[in-house]
Amino acid sequence: MTPSAIERVKSSIEIARRFLKSAERTFEIGDYVMVEIAAYNSAFHSVRALLFAKGYKERSHQCLVIAVRELYRTNPKIVELMNIFDKLRISRHNVQYGGALVDEEEAEFVLRFAREVLEIVEQLV
């Protein structure tokens, strides 16, 4: 990795950690819509770190999913995570732009997913 890629990876992981902490605090007060948005953003920044580690930058959330699936196609766990992340991308879009509501179960799922993605990315990069 180039020095600039290393910095982008570190920065993205740090942002992911901050969003995850925010999602956890927000879960405690029961604001499940904001939990989904913050947890998704945590996962997004974790996934971005995977892309940065390969020397690329994303242009959109959807392109990020496609690129990481391709770049890590030999890693079945990453492919599985990208399939889930893509569904969450759509769900988050519907929440943020369409006013969809989020229940406790969904918020808890997205929060667990964000934790898992961050842990895996930290091990890989």
C-alpha atoms as a PDB file:
ATOM      1  CA  MET A   1       0.000   0.000   0.000  1.00  0.00           C
ATOM      2  CA  THR A   2       1.135   3.514  -0.721  1.00  0.00           C
ATOM      3  CA  PRO A   3       1.529   5.938   2.196  1.00  0.00           C
ATOM      4  CA  SER A   4      -1.590   7.834   1.101  1.00  0.00           C
ATOM      5  CA  ALA A   5      -3.589   4.584   0.906  1.00  0.00           C
ATOM      6  CA  ILE A   6      -2.419   3.653   4.398  1.00  0.00           C
ATOM      7  CA  GLU A   7      -3.626   7.024   5.695  1.00  0.00           C
ATOM      8  CA  ARG A   8      -7.004   6.638   3.956  1.00  0.00           C
ATOM      9  CA  VAL A   9      -7.409   3.153   5.459  1.00  0.00           C
ATOM     10  CA  LYS A  10      -6.572   4.393   8.973  1.00  0.00           C
ATOM     11  CA  SER A  11      -8.861   7.391   8.650  1.00  0.00           C
ATOM     12  CA  SER A  12     -11.762   5.333   7.331  1.00  0.00           C
ATOM     13  CA  ILE A  13     -11.440   2.805  10.161  1.00  0.00           C
ATOM     14  CA  GLU A  14     -11.361   5.613  12.722  1.00  0.00           C
ATOM     15  CA  ILE A  15     -14.508   7.135  11.210  1.00  0.00           C
ATOM     16  CA  ALA A  16     -16.150   3.686  11.299  1.00  0.00           C
ATOM     17  CA  ARG A  17     -15.325   3.382  15.003  1.00  0.00           C
ATOM     18  CA  ARG A  18     -16.840   6.800  15.745  1.00  0.00           C
ATOM     19  CA  PHE A  19     -20.068   5.996  13.883  1.00  0.00           C
ATOM     20  CA  LEU A  20     -20.275   2.635  15.665  1.00  0.00           C
ATOM     21  CA  LYS A  21     -19.938   4.297  19.084  1.00  0.00           C
ATOM     22  CA  SER A  22     -22.629   6.774  18.097  1.00  0.00           C
ATOM     23  CA  ALA A  23     -24.925   3.946  16.965  1.00  0.00           C
ATOM     24  CA  GLU A  24     -24.385   2.109  20.263  1.00  0.00           C
ATOM     25  CA  ARG A  25     -25.202   5.201  22.337  1.00  0.00           C
ATOM     26  CA  THR A  26     -28.242   5.932  20.184  1.00  0.00           C
ATOM     27  CA  PHE A  27     -29.489   2.354  20.576  1.00  0.00           C
ATOM     28  CA  GLU A  28     -29.519   2.848  24.353  1.00  0.00           C
ATOM     29  CA  ILE A  29     -32.068   5.664  24.025  1.00  0.00           C
ATOM     30  CA  GLY A  30     -34.222   3.766  21.525  1.00  0.00           C
ATOM     31  CA  ASP A  31     -33.807   6.011  18.481  1.00  0.00           C
ATOM     32  CA  TYR A  32     -33.721   3.099  16.053  1.00  0.00           C
ATOM     33  CA  VAL A  33     -33.874   5.161  12.864  1.00  0.00           C
ATOM     34  CA  MET A  34     -30.687   6.966  13.834  1.00  0.00           C
ATOM     35  CA  VAL A  35     -29.115   3.675  14.948  1.00  0.00           C
ATOM     36  CA  GLU A  36     -29.597   2.292  11.446  1.00  0.00           C
ATOM     37  CA  ILE A  37     -28.133   5.391   9.823  1.00  0.00           C
ATOM     38  CA  ALA A  38     -25.101   5.535  12.141  1.00  0.00           C
ATOM     39  CA  ALA A  39     -24.462   1.771  12.025  1.00  0.00           C
ATOM     40  CA  TYR A  40     -24.745   1.767   8.234  1.00  0.00           C
ATOM     41  CA  ASN A  41     -22.271   4.651   8.066  1.00  0.00           C
ATOM     42  CA  SER A  42     -19.902   2.684  10.287  1.00  0.00           C
ATOM     43  CA  ALA A  43     -20.117  -0.322   7.966  1.00  0.00           C
ATOM     44  CA  PHE A  44     -19.721   1.952   4.931  1.00  0.00           C
ATOM     45  CA  HIS A  45     -16.464   3.403   6.246  1.00  0.00           C
ATOM     46  CA  SER A  46     -15.192  -0.061   7.180  1.00  0.00           C
ATOM     47  CA  VAL A  47     -15.903  -1.298   3.654  1.00  0.00           C
ATOM     48  CA  ARG A  48     -14.272   1.818   2.200  1.00  0.00           C
ATOM     49  CA  ALA A  49     -11.094   0.838   4.047  1.00  0.00           C
ATOM     50  CA  LEU A  50     -11.088  -2.447   2.098  1.00  0.00           C
ATOM     51  CA  LEU A  51     -11.283  -0.508  -1.147  1.00  0.00           C
ATOM     52  CA  PHE A  52      -8.574   1.939  -0.073  1.00  0.00           C
ATOM     53  CA  ALA A  53      -6.332  -0.989   0.872  1.00  0.00           C
ATOM     54  CA  LYS A  54      -6.474  -2.107  -2.764  1.00  0.00           C
ATOM     55  CA  GLY A  55      -5.587   1.385  -3.995  1.00  0.00           C
ATOM     56  CA  TYR A  56      -9.036   2.526  -5.124  1.00  0.00           C
ATOM     57  CA  LYS A  57     -11.519   5.237  -4.115  1.00  0.00           C
ATOM     58  CA  GLU A  58     -15.284   4.882  -4.260  1.00  0.00           C
ATOM     59  CA  ARG A  59     -17.600   7.006  -6.366  1.00  0.00           C
ATOM     60  CA  SER A  60     -20.909   5.863  -4.902  1.00  0.00           C
ATOM     61  CA  HIS A  61     -22.261   3.488  -2.293  1.00  0.00           C
ATOM     62  CA  GLN A  62     -23.445   1.068  -4.978  1.00  0.00           C
ATOM     63  CA  CYS A  63     -20.105   1.156  -6.814  1.00  0.00           C
ATOM     64  CA  LEU A  64     -18.357   0.461  -3.513  1.00  0.00           C
ATOM     65  CA  VAL A  65     -20.325  -2.780  -3.132  1.00  0.00           C
ATOM     66  CA  ILE A  66     -19.593  -3.878  -6.698  1.00  0.00           C
ATOM     67  CA  ALA A  67     -15.890  -3.063  -6.461  1.00  0.00           C
ATOM     68  CA  VAL A  68     -15.309  -4.766  -3.103  1.00  0.00           C
ATOM     69  CA  ARG A  69     -17.211  -7.873  -4.233  1.00  0.00           C
ATOM     70  CA  GLU A  70     -14.923  -8.086  -7.255  1.00  0.00           C
ATOM     71  CA  LEU A  71     -11.659  -7.219  -5.501  1.00  0.00           C
ATOM     72  CA  TYR A  72     -12.299  -9.735  -2.698  1.00  0.00           C
ATOM     73  CA  ARG A  73     -14.155 -12.372  -4.751  1.00  0.00           C
ATOM     74  CA  THR A  74     -11.864 -15.138  -3.461  1.00  0.00           C
ATOM     75  CA  ASN A  75     -12.838 -14.327   0.148  1.00  0.00           C
ATOM     76  CA  PRO A  76     -16.294 -15.869   0.711  1.00  0.00           C
ATOM     77  CA  LYS A  77     -16.802 -14.032   4.008  1.00  0.00           C
ATOM     78  CA  ILE A  78     -16.278 -10.631   2.372  1.00  0.00           C
ATOM     79  CA  VAL A  79     -18.616 -11.569  -0.485  1.00  0.00           C
ATOM     80  CA  GLU A  80     -21.259 -12.616   2.063  1.00  0.00           C
ATOM     81  CA  LEU A  81     -20.812  -9.352   3.971  1.00  0.00           C
ATOM     82  CA  MET A  82     -21.143  -7.367   0.741  1.00  0.00           C
ATOM     83  CA  ASN A  83     -24.432  -9.107  -0.045  1.00  0.00           C
ATOM     84  CA  ILE A  84     -25.792  -8.097   3.362  1.00  0.00           C
ATOM     85  CA  PHE A  85     -24.268  -4.616   3.110  1.00  0.00           C
ATOM     86  CA  ASP A  86     -25.981  -4.080  -0.250  1.00  0.00           C
ATOM     87  CA  LYS A  87     -29.380  -4.902   1.282  1.00  0.00           C
ATOM     88  CA  LEU A  88     -28.638  -2.555   4.163  1.00  0.00           C
ATOM     89  CA  ARG A  89     -27.626   0.132   1.665  1.00  0.00           C
ATOM     90  CA  ILE A  90     -31.121  -0.016   0.182  1.00  0.00           C
ATOM     91  CA  SER A  91     -32.762  -0.133   3.609  1.00  0.00           C
ATOM     92  CA  ARG A  92     -30.762   2.867   4.828  1.00  0.00           C
ATOM     93  CA  HIS A  93     -31.708   4.762   1.667  1.00  0.00           C
ATOM     94  CA  ASN A  94     -35.399   4.046   2.329  1.00  0.00           C
ATOM     95  CA  VAL A  95     -35.026   5.189   5.932  1.00  0.00           C
ATOM     96  CA  GLN A  96     -33.059   8.325   5.172  1.00  0.00           C
ATOM     97  CA  TYR A  97     -34.865   9.470   2.037  1.00  0.00           C
ATOM     98  CA  GLY A  98     -38.215   7.688   2.150  1.00  0.00           C
ATOM     99  CA  GLY A  99     -39.088   8.033   5.812  1.00  0.00           C
ATOM    100  CA  ALA A 100     -39.206   4.279   6.504  1.00  0.00           C
ATOM    101  CA  LEU A 101     -39.239   3.359  10.176  1.00  0.00           C
ATOM    102  CA  VAL A 102     -36.878   0.962  11.949  1.00  0.00           C
ATOM    103  CA  ASP A 103     -37.836  -1.387  14.768  1.00  0.00           C
ATOM    104  CA  GLU A 104     -35.597  -2.568  17.589  1.00  0.00           C
ATOM    105  CA  GLU A 105     -34.840  -5.920  15.946  1.00  0.00           C
ATOM    106  CA  GLU A 106     -33.657  -4.324  12.703  1.00  0.00           C
ATOM    107  CA  ALA A 107     -31.597  -1.719  14.557  1.00  0.00           C
ATOM    108  CA  GLU A 108     -29.942  -4.443  16.616  1.00  0.00           C
ATOM    109  CA  PHE A 109     -29.153  -6.440  13.453  1.00  0.00           C
ATOM    110  CA  VAL A 110     -27.537  -3.463  11.711  1.00  0.00           C
ATOM    111  CA  LEU A 111     -25.559  -2.643  14.848  1.00  0.00           C
ATOM    112  CA  ARG A 112     -24.233  -6.231  15.117  1.00  0.00           C
ATOM    113  CA  PHE A 113     -23.407  -6.191  11.413  1.00  0.00           C
ATOM    114  CA  ALA A 114     -21.439  -2.939  11.719  1.00  0.00           C
ATOM    115  CA  ARG A 115     -19.431  -4.422  14.607  1.00  0.00           C
ATOM    116  CA  GLU A 116     -18.686  -7.581  12.621  1.00  0.00           C
ATOM    117  CA  VAL A 117     -17.614  -5.691   9.504  1.00  0.00           C
ATOM    118  CA  LEU A 118     -15.309  -3.426  11.493  1.00  0.00           C
ATOM    119  CA  GLU A 119     -13.687  -6.390  13.270  1.00  0.00           C
ATOM    120  CA  ILE A 120     -13.106  -8.267  10.014  1.00  0.00           C
ATOM    121  CA  VAL A 121     -11.749  -5.215   8.200  1.00  0.00           C
ATOM    122  CA  GLU A 122      -9.367  -4.424  11.050  1.00  0.00           C
ATOM    123  CA  GLN A 123      -7.984  -7.961  10.750  1.00  0.00           C
ATOM    124  CA  LEU A 124      -7.628  -7.784   6.959  1.00  0.00           C
ATOM    125  CA  VAL A 125      -5.969  -4.409   6.462  1.00  0.00           C
END
